[in-house]
Amino acid sequence: MGSGSIWQRVVRFFARPHGDVKSFEQEVEAAGVAGRADGGMRIIPAAKIVGSVGRAQNLRSDFFYKTGKAITGRFVRIGQAMQAGTILPPIEVYKAKLPRKQAGEEKAVTEYYVVDGHHRVAMAKKLGQDYLDAHVVEHRVAAPTKPGPKDAAGPAPDPRPE
């Protein structure tokens, strides 16, 4: 497939409206990181890559630039390599499970935030690639504290058996 065809697909892709990419700092760090661990190399679903670490203010939800030249030669070269089946280096992502409302109830949803590989993610989403190789660092988010009923009688009894 020639580069002209890629450009045509990209132009059609940009005709659709896009929101903002999520910010790791606003979504995960604001929730409170309780710990982190190296998750190793994994194959992750492109659909669950929703945000960026440090570049969210510059990117749309499709991982292309908000302003200026939205697509550069680098995007095109990466897209051509993907279409040719070239194995690219794994992206670097942070993983977090965050409480999200789905169908009226709150569930813990896995989301990935890109540290390195924004161009690869943009082109994978653009070309309909379902999965990407990634090095994952898992972030455990602090559980939200829910206020319990006030006990006017004093502290709760000791639950340990006597």
N, C-alpha and C. Protein backbone atom coordinates (compact mmCIF):
# COMPACT_ATOMS: atom_id res chain seq x y z
N MET A 1 0.85 -1.17 0.00
CA MET A 1 0.00 0.00 0.00
C MET A 1 0.90 1.23 0.00
N GLY A 2 0.66 2.19 -0.89
CA GLY A 2 1.49 3.37 -1.02
C GLY A 2 1.21 4.40 0.04
N SER A 3 2.12 5.37 0.16
CA SER A 3 1.95 6.42 1.17
C SER A 3 0.75 7.30 0.86
N GLY A 4 0.35 7.40 -0.43
CA GLY A 4 -0.84 8.17 -0.78
C GLY A 4 -2.08 7.58 -0.14
N SER A 5 -2.17 6.27 -0.12
CA SER A 5 -3.30 5.59 0.50
C SER A 5 -3.33 5.83 2.01
N ILE A 6 -2.18 5.82 2.62
CA ILE A 6 -2.12 6.10 4.06
C ILE A 6 -2.61 7.51 4.32
N TRP A 7 -2.16 8.45 3.52
CA TRP A 7 -2.60 9.85 3.70
C TRP A 7 -4.10 9.98 3.54
N GLN A 8 -4.71 9.28 2.59
CA GLN A 8 -6.15 9.34 2.39
C GLN A 8 -6.89 8.80 3.61
N ARG A 9 -6.40 7.71 4.15
CA ARG A 9 -7.03 7.13 5.34
C ARG A 9 -6.88 8.05 6.54
N VAL A 10 -5.72 8.69 6.64
CA VAL A 10 -5.48 9.61 7.75
C VAL A 10 -6.41 10.82 7.66
N VAL A 11 -6.59 11.37 6.45
CA VAL A 11 -7.48 12.52 6.26
C VAL A 11 -8.91 12.15 6.68
N ARG A 12 -9.38 10.99 6.26
CA ARG A 12 -10.72 10.55 6.66
C ARG A 12 -10.81 10.37 8.17
N PHE A 13 -9.74 9.84 8.76
CA PHE A 13 -9.70 9.62 10.21
C PHE A 13 -9.82 10.93 10.96
N PHE A 14 -9.14 11.98 10.47
CA PHE A 14 -9.15 13.26 11.16
C PHE A 14 -10.46 14.00 11.00
N ALA A 15 -11.30 13.60 10.08
CA ALA A 15 -12.58 14.25 9.89
C ALA A 15 -13.53 13.96 11.05
N ARG A 16 -13.26 12.91 11.82
CA ARG A 16 -14.08 12.56 12.97
C ARG A 16 -13.66 13.39 14.18
N PRO A 17 -14.63 13.80 15.03
CA PRO A 17 -14.26 14.58 16.22
C PRO A 17 -13.57 13.69 17.27
N HIS A 18 -12.65 14.28 17.99
CA HIS A 18 -11.93 13.57 19.05
C HIS A 18 -11.90 14.42 20.30
N GLY A 19 -11.96 13.76 21.46
CA GLY A 19 -11.83 14.45 22.73
C GLY A 19 -10.36 14.51 23.12
N ASP A 20 -10.13 14.73 24.39
CA ASP A 20 -8.77 14.80 24.91
C ASP A 20 -8.33 13.43 25.41
N VAL A 21 -7.04 13.20 25.34
CA VAL A 21 -6.47 12.01 25.94
C VAL A 21 -6.44 12.25 27.46
N LYS A 22 -6.55 11.20 28.25
CA LYS A 22 -6.52 11.35 29.71
C LYS A 22 -5.11 11.61 30.21
N SER A 23 -5.01 12.32 31.29
CA SER A 23 -3.73 12.65 31.91
C SER A 23 -3.47 11.72 33.10
N PHE A 24 -2.33 11.06 33.10
CA PHE A 24 -1.95 10.18 34.21
C PHE A 24 -1.93 10.97 35.52
N GLU A 25 -1.40 12.17 35.45
CA GLU A 25 -1.28 13.00 36.64
C GLU A 25 -2.65 13.32 37.22
N GLN A 26 -3.62 13.66 36.37
CA GLN A 26 -4.95 14.03 36.84
C GLN A 26 -5.80 12.82 37.22
N GLU A 27 -5.61 11.72 36.54
CA GLU A 27 -6.45 10.55 36.78
C GLU A 27 -5.91 9.63 37.88
N VAL A 28 -4.64 9.29 37.79
CA VAL A 28 -4.07 8.28 38.68
C VAL A 28 -3.40 8.91 39.90
N GLU A 29 -2.49 9.83 39.67
CA GLU A 29 -1.79 10.44 40.80
C GLU A 29 -2.76 11.18 41.70
N ALA A 30 -3.79 11.80 41.14
CA ALA A 30 -4.79 12.50 41.94
C ALA A 30 -5.57 11.53 42.82
N ALA A 31 -5.75 10.29 42.34
CA ALA A 31 -6.46 9.27 43.12
C ALA A 31 -5.60 8.73 44.26
N GLY A 32 -4.29 8.92 44.14
CA GLY A 32 -3.37 8.45 45.18
C GLY A 32 -2.75 7.11 44.83
N VAL A 33 -1.48 7.12 44.53
CA VAL A 33 -0.77 5.88 44.19
C VAL A 33 -0.33 5.21 45.48
N ALA A 34 -0.78 3.97 45.67
CA ALA A 34 -0.45 3.23 46.89
C ALA A 34 0.77 2.33 46.69
N GLY A 35 1.19 2.14 45.44
CA GLY A 35 2.35 1.31 45.15
C GLY A 35 2.49 1.10 43.66
N ARG A 36 3.67 0.61 43.28
CA ARG A 36 3.90 0.31 41.87
C ARG A 36 4.82 -0.88 41.76
N ALA A 37 4.66 -1.61 40.65
CA ALA A 37 5.46 -2.81 40.43
C ALA A 37 5.67 -2.99 38.94
N ASP A 38 6.81 -3.58 38.60
CA ASP A 38 7.11 -3.86 37.20
C ASP A 38 6.22 -5.03 36.76
N GLY A 39 5.38 -4.78 35.76
CA GLY A 39 4.49 -5.81 35.26
C GLY A 39 5.10 -6.62 34.13
N GLY A 40 6.30 -6.21 33.66
CA GLY A 40 6.98 -6.95 32.62
C GLY A 40 6.43 -6.68 31.23
N MET A 41 6.86 -7.53 30.30
CA MET A 41 6.44 -7.41 28.91
C MET A 41 5.09 -8.10 28.75
N ARG A 42 4.18 -7.42 28.06
CA ARG A 42 2.84 -7.96 27.84
C ARG A 42 2.30 -7.52 26.48
N ILE A 43 1.29 -8.18 26.05
CA ILE A 43 0.52 -7.75 24.89
C ILE A 43 -0.75 -7.12 25.46
N ILE A 44 -0.97 -5.84 25.15
CA ILE A 44 -2.10 -5.13 25.74
C ILE A 44 -3.08 -4.67 24.65
N PRO A 45 -4.37 -4.56 25.00
CA PRO A 45 -5.36 -4.11 24.02
C PRO A 45 -5.22 -2.61 23.75
N ALA A 46 -5.18 -2.24 22.49
CA ALA A 46 -5.06 -0.84 22.11
C ALA A 46 -6.24 -0.02 22.63
N ALA A 47 -7.41 -0.62 22.71
CA ALA A 47 -8.60 0.10 23.17
C ALA A 47 -8.49 0.56 24.62
N LYS A 48 -7.65 -0.11 25.41
CA LYS A 48 -7.51 0.27 26.82
C LYS A 48 -6.39 1.30 27.05
N ILE A 49 -5.73 1.72 25.98
CA ILE A 49 -4.72 2.77 26.08
C ILE A 49 -5.46 4.08 25.95
N VAL A 50 -5.61 4.80 27.07
CA VAL A 50 -6.49 5.96 27.10
C VAL A 50 -5.81 7.27 27.47
N GLY A 51 -4.54 7.20 27.89
CA GLY A 51 -3.93 8.42 28.39
C GLY A 51 -2.44 8.48 28.18
N SER A 52 -1.88 9.59 28.67
CA SER A 52 -0.46 9.86 28.50
C SER A 52 0.13 10.34 29.81
N VAL A 53 1.41 10.04 29.97
CA VAL A 53 2.17 10.53 31.11
C VAL A 53 2.98 11.72 30.61
N GLY A 54 2.56 12.91 30.98
CA GLY A 54 3.31 14.12 30.66
C GLY A 54 2.99 14.80 29.35
N ARG A 55 2.20 14.20 28.47
CA ARG A 55 1.92 14.82 27.17
C ARG A 55 0.43 14.97 26.88
N ALA A 56 -0.41 14.72 27.86
CA ALA A 56 -1.86 14.73 27.64
C ALA A 56 -2.37 16.07 27.11
N GLN A 57 -1.77 17.16 27.56
CA GLN A 57 -2.25 18.47 27.13
C GLN A 57 -2.06 18.71 25.64
N ASN A 58 -1.18 17.95 24.98
CA ASN A 58 -0.88 18.14 23.56
C ASN A 58 -1.60 17.15 22.64
N LEU A 59 -2.29 16.15 23.22
CA LEU A 59 -2.82 15.06 22.40
C LEU A 59 -4.33 14.95 22.46
N ARG A 60 -4.91 14.50 21.34
CA ARG A 60 -6.32 14.18 21.27
C ARG A 60 -6.50 12.73 21.70
N SER A 61 -7.74 12.29 21.81
CA SER A 61 -8.00 10.92 22.24
C SER A 61 -7.51 9.87 21.25
N ASP A 62 -7.19 10.27 20.02
CA ASP A 62 -6.63 9.34 19.04
C ASP A 62 -5.10 9.36 19.06
N PHE A 63 -4.51 10.12 19.98
CA PHE A 63 -3.07 10.24 20.19
C PHE A 63 -2.34 11.04 19.11
N PHE A 64 -3.09 11.73 18.25
CA PHE A 64 -2.48 12.67 17.32
C PHE A 64 -2.47 14.05 17.98
N TYR A 65 -1.63 14.96 17.46
CA TYR A 65 -1.48 16.28 18.06
C TYR A 65 -2.75 17.11 17.93
N LYS A 66 -3.05 17.91 18.95
CA LYS A 66 -4.21 18.80 18.94
C LYS A 66 -4.00 19.99 18.01
N THR A 67 -2.80 20.54 18.03
CA THR A 67 -2.54 21.75 17.27
C THR A 67 -1.31 21.56 16.39
N GLY A 68 -1.12 22.51 15.49
CA GLY A 68 0.03 22.42 14.59
C GLY A 68 -0.20 21.33 13.57
N LYS A 69 0.86 20.79 13.06
CA LYS A 69 0.78 19.72 12.07
C LYS A 69 0.43 18.44 12.82
N ALA A 70 -0.82 18.01 12.68
CA ALA A 70 -1.31 16.86 13.45
C ALA A 70 -0.58 15.58 13.10
N ILE A 71 -0.22 15.43 11.85
CA ILE A 71 0.47 14.21 11.43
C ILE A 71 1.79 14.60 10.77
N THR A 72 2.83 13.95 11.16
CA THR A 72 4.16 14.25 10.65
C THR A 72 4.69 13.06 9.86
N GLY A 73 5.83 13.24 9.26
CA GLY A 73 6.48 12.14 8.54
C GLY A 73 6.74 10.95 9.43
N ARG A 74 6.98 11.20 10.70
CA ARG A 74 7.24 10.10 11.63
C ARG A 74 6.01 9.20 11.77
N PHE A 75 4.82 9.82 11.85
CA PHE A 75 3.60 9.02 11.91
C PHE A 75 3.49 8.15 10.66
N VAL A 76 3.74 8.73 9.51
CA VAL A 76 3.62 8.01 8.25
C VAL A 76 4.60 6.85 8.19
N ARG A 77 5.86 7.09 8.58
CA ARG A 77 6.87 6.01 8.55
C ARG A 77 6.49 4.88 9.50
N ILE A 78 5.99 5.22 10.67
CA ILE A 78 5.57 4.19 11.63
C ILE A 78 4.39 3.41 11.07
N GLY A 79 3.43 4.11 10.48
CA GLY A 79 2.28 3.44 9.87
C GLY A 79 2.68 2.50 8.76
N GLN A 80 3.62 2.93 7.93
CA GLN A 80 4.10 2.08 6.85
C GLN A 80 4.80 0.84 7.40
N ALA A 81 5.60 1.03 8.45
CA ALA A 81 6.28 -0.11 9.07
C ALA A 81 5.28 -1.09 9.65
N MET A 82 4.23 -0.58 10.30
CA MET A 82 3.20 -1.45 10.87
C MET A 82 2.49 -2.23 9.77
N GLN A 83 2.16 -1.56 8.69
CA GLN A 83 1.45 -2.23 7.60
C GLN A 83 2.34 -3.27 6.92
N ALA A 84 3.64 -3.05 6.93
CA ALA A 84 4.57 -3.99 6.31
C ALA A 84 4.88 -5.17 7.24
N GLY A 85 4.37 -5.13 8.46
CA GLY A 85 4.61 -6.20 9.41
C GLY A 85 5.93 -6.11 10.14
N THR A 86 6.58 -4.95 10.08
CA THR A 86 7.85 -4.74 10.78
C THR A 86 7.61 -4.79 12.29
N ILE A 87 8.45 -5.50 12.99
CA ILE A 87 8.34 -5.56 14.45
C ILE A 87 8.96 -4.30 15.02
N LEU A 88 8.16 -3.54 15.74
CA LEU A 88 8.61 -2.29 16.36
C LEU A 88 8.89 -2.53 17.83
N PRO A 89 9.71 -1.68 18.45
CA PRO A 89 9.98 -1.85 19.88
C PRO A 89 8.68 -1.74 20.68
N PRO A 90 8.62 -2.40 21.82
CA PRO A 90 7.42 -2.29 22.66
C PRO A 90 7.26 -0.86 23.18
N ILE A 91 6.02 -0.47 23.38
CA ILE A 91 5.76 0.83 23.99
C ILE A 91 5.96 0.70 25.49
N GLU A 92 6.09 1.81 26.18
CA GLU A 92 6.20 1.83 27.64
C GLU A 92 4.91 2.43 28.19
N VAL A 93 4.25 1.72 29.10
CA VAL A 93 2.99 2.21 29.66
C VAL A 93 2.92 2.02 31.17
N TYR A 94 2.09 2.86 31.77
CA TYR A 94 1.70 2.68 33.16
C TYR A 94 0.28 2.12 33.14
N LYS A 95 0.03 1.14 34.02
CA LYS A 95 -1.29 0.51 34.12
C LYS A 95 -1.90 0.90 35.46
N ALA A 96 -3.20 1.19 35.44
CA ALA A 96 -3.91 1.47 36.68
C ALA A 96 -5.33 0.95 36.58
N LYS A 97 -5.85 0.48 37.70
CA LYS A 97 -7.27 0.11 37.79
C LYS A 97 -7.95 1.22 38.56
N LEU A 98 -8.86 1.89 37.88
CA LEU A 98 -9.54 3.04 38.47
C LEU A 98 -11.04 2.81 38.53
N PRO A 99 -11.70 3.34 39.56
CA PRO A 99 -13.15 3.20 39.64
C PRO A 99 -13.82 4.06 38.56
N ARG A 100 -14.65 3.44 37.75
CA ARG A 100 -15.37 4.13 36.67
C ARG A 100 -16.83 3.68 36.69
N LYS A 101 -17.71 4.58 36.37
CA LYS A 101 -19.14 4.23 36.27
C LYS A 101 -19.40 3.56 34.94
N GLN A 102 -19.97 2.37 35.00
CA GLN A 102 -20.36 1.63 33.81
C GLN A 102 -21.73 1.02 34.06
N ALA A 103 -22.66 1.33 33.18
CA ALA A 103 -24.03 0.81 33.29
C ALA A 103 -24.63 1.12 34.66
N GLY A 104 -24.37 2.32 35.15
CA GLY A 104 -24.96 2.75 36.41
C GLY A 104 -24.29 2.28 37.68
N GLU A 105 -23.27 1.45 37.56
CA GLU A 105 -22.57 1.01 38.77
C GLU A 105 -21.08 1.27 38.63
N GLU A 106 -20.41 1.37 39.75
CA GLU A 106 -18.99 1.66 39.75
C GLU A 106 -18.19 0.36 39.70
N LYS A 107 -17.25 0.30 38.74
CA LYS A 107 -16.39 -0.87 38.58
C LYS A 107 -14.95 -0.42 38.47
N ALA A 108 -14.02 -1.30 38.84
CA ALA A 108 -12.60 -1.03 38.64
C ALA A 108 -12.27 -1.36 37.19
N VAL A 109 -11.79 -0.37 36.44
CA VAL A 109 -11.49 -0.52 35.02
C VAL A 109 -9.99 -0.37 34.80
N THR A 110 -9.40 -1.28 34.03
CA THR A 110 -7.98 -1.21 33.70
C THR A 110 -7.77 -0.21 32.59
N GLU A 111 -6.83 0.72 32.81
CA GLU A 111 -6.47 1.72 31.81
C GLU A 111 -4.95 1.77 31.70
N TYR A 112 -4.47 2.11 30.51
CA TYR A 112 -3.04 2.25 30.27
C TYR A 112 -2.72 3.68 29.85
N TYR A 113 -1.59 4.19 30.34
CA TYR A 113 -1.13 5.54 30.06
C TYR A 113 0.26 5.46 29.45
N VAL A 114 0.45 6.08 28.29
CA VAL A 114 1.68 5.96 27.52
C VAL A 114 2.79 6.83 28.11
N VAL A 115 3.93 6.19 28.35
CA VAL A 115 5.15 6.90 28.76
C VAL A 115 5.99 7.15 27.51
N ASP A 116 6.18 6.10 26.70
CA ASP A 116 6.95 6.20 25.45
C ASP A 116 6.25 5.36 24.39
N GLY A 117 6.04 5.95 23.22
CA GLY A 117 5.41 5.23 22.13
C GLY A 117 4.13 5.88 21.64
N HIS A 118 3.98 7.18 21.86
CA HIS A 118 2.76 7.88 21.46
C HIS A 118 2.48 7.75 19.95
N HIS A 119 3.52 7.87 19.12
CA HIS A 119 3.34 7.74 17.67
C HIS A 119 2.86 6.34 17.30
N ARG A 120 3.44 5.32 17.94
CA ARG A 120 3.04 3.94 17.66
C ARG A 120 1.60 3.69 18.07
N VAL A 121 1.18 4.26 19.20
CA VAL A 121 -0.20 4.10 19.66
C VAL A 121 -1.15 4.79 18.69
N ALA A 122 -0.81 6.01 18.27
CA ALA A 122 -1.68 6.75 17.35
C ALA A 122 -1.88 5.96 16.06
N MET A 123 -0.81 5.44 15.50
CA MET A 123 -0.93 4.72 14.24
C MET A 123 -1.61 3.36 14.42
N ALA A 124 -1.38 2.70 15.55
CA ALA A 124 -2.05 1.43 15.81
C ALA A 124 -3.56 1.65 15.88
N LYS A 125 -3.98 2.69 16.58
CA LYS A 125 -5.41 3.00 16.67
C LYS A 125 -5.95 3.38 15.30
N LYS A 126 -5.21 4.17 14.58
CA LYS A 126 -5.62 4.62 13.24
C LYS A 126 -5.78 3.45 12.28
N LEU A 127 -4.85 2.52 12.32
CA LEU A 127 -4.86 1.39 11.38
C LEU A 127 -5.71 0.22 11.86
N GLY A 128 -6.31 0.35 13.05
CA GLY A 128 -7.18 -0.70 13.56
C GLY A 128 -6.45 -1.87 14.17
N GLN A 129 -5.22 -1.67 14.62
CA GLN A 129 -4.45 -2.73 15.28
C GLN A 129 -5.04 -2.94 16.68
N ASP A 130 -5.39 -4.15 17.00
CA ASP A 130 -6.08 -4.44 18.26
C ASP A 130 -5.15 -4.53 19.47
N TYR A 131 -3.89 -4.93 19.27
CA TYR A 131 -2.99 -5.16 20.39
C TYR A 131 -1.61 -4.57 20.10
N LEU A 132 -0.90 -4.22 21.17
CA LEU A 132 0.47 -3.72 21.08
C LEU A 132 1.34 -4.42 22.11
N ASP A 133 2.60 -4.64 21.76
CA ASP A 133 3.58 -5.13 22.73
C ASP A 133 3.93 -3.96 23.64
N ALA A 134 4.02 -4.24 24.93
CA ALA A 134 4.29 -3.15 25.87
C ALA A 134 5.08 -3.64 27.08
N HIS A 135 5.90 -2.76 27.59
CA HIS A 135 6.50 -2.95 28.91
C HIS A 135 5.59 -2.21 29.86
N VAL A 136 5.06 -2.91 30.85
CA VAL A 136 4.03 -2.37 31.74
C VAL A 136 4.57 -2.16 33.15
N VAL A 137 4.28 -1.00 33.70
CA VAL A 137 4.53 -0.72 35.12
C VAL A 137 3.15 -0.51 35.75
N GLU A 138 2.81 -1.39 36.69
CA GLU A 138 1.49 -1.33 37.32
C GLU A 138 1.50 -0.39 38.51
N HIS A 139 0.49 0.48 38.54
CA HIS A 139 0.31 1.41 39.66
C HIS A 139 -0.94 1.00 40.42
N ARG A 140 -0.78 0.76 41.72
CA ARG A 140 -1.92 0.42 42.57
C ARG A 140 -2.47 1.74 43.13
N VAL A 141 -3.74 1.96 42.94
CA VAL A 141 -4.38 3.18 43.39
C VAL A 141 -4.96 2.95 44.78
N ALA A 142 -4.80 3.95 45.63
CA ALA A 142 -5.34 3.87 46.99
C ALA A 142 -6.85 3.73 46.93
N ALA A 143 -7.40 2.84 47.75
CA ALA A 143 -8.85 2.65 47.79
C ALA A 143 -9.49 3.89 48.37
N PRO A 144 -10.57 4.36 47.73
CA PRO A 144 -11.24 5.54 48.28
C PRO A 144 -11.84 5.20 49.64
N THR A 145 -11.72 6.11 50.55
CA THR A 145 -12.29 5.91 51.88
C THR A 145 -13.71 6.43 51.89
N LYS A 146 -14.61 5.57 52.35
CA LYS A 146 -16.01 5.96 52.44
C LYS A 146 -16.32 6.22 53.90
N PRO A 147 -16.93 7.35 54.18
CA PRO A 147 -17.26 7.64 55.57
C PRO A 147 -18.27 6.64 56.11
N GLY A 148 -17.97 6.11 57.27
CA GLY A 148 -18.87 5.15 57.91
C GLY A 148 -19.80 5.86 58.87
N PRO A 149 -20.73 5.14 59.43
CA PRO A 149 -21.65 5.76 60.39
C PRO A 149 -20.90 6.18 61.65
N LYS A 150 -21.25 7.29 62.17
CA LYS A 150 -20.63 7.80 63.40
C LYS A 150 -21.16 6.99 64.58
N ASP A 151 -20.25 6.58 65.46
CA ASP A 151 -20.63 5.81 66.63
C ASP A 151 -20.57 6.74 67.83
N ALA A 152 -21.71 7.17 68.30
CA ALA A 152 -21.77 8.12 69.41
C ALA A 152 -21.37 7.47 70.73
N ALA A 153 -21.39 6.15 70.80
CA ALA A 153 -21.10 5.45 72.04
C ALA A 153 -19.60 5.29 72.28
N GLY A 154 -18.78 5.78 71.39
CA GLY A 154 -17.34 5.65 71.59
C GLY A 154 -16.72 4.75 70.54
N PRO A 155 -15.48 4.32 70.79
CA PRO A 155 -14.79 3.50 69.80
C PRO A 155 -15.45 2.13 69.63
N ALA A 156 -15.23 1.55 68.46
CA ALA A 156 -15.80 0.23 68.17
C ALA A 156 -15.14 -0.81 69.07
N PRO A 157 -15.89 -1.87 69.43
CA PRO A 157 -15.30 -2.92 70.26
C PRO A 157 -14.19 -3.65 69.50
N ASP A 158 -13.28 -4.23 70.23
CA ASP A 158 -12.15 -4.97 69.65
C ASP A 158 -12.69 -6.25 69.03
N PRO A 159 -12.47 -6.47 67.69
CA PRO A 159 -13.03 -7.65 67.03
C PRO A 159 -12.28 -8.93 67.31
N ARG A 160 -11.13 -8.86 67.99
CA ARG A 160 -10.34 -10.07 68.24
C ARG A 160 -11.02 -10.94 69.29
N PRO A 161 -10.95 -12.24 69.14
CA PRO A 161 -11.56 -13.13 70.14
C PRO A 161 -10.76 -13.06 71.46
N GLU A 162 -11.47 -13.28 72.54
CA GLU A 162 -10.80 -13.20 73.85
C GLU A 162 -10.21 -14.51 74.26
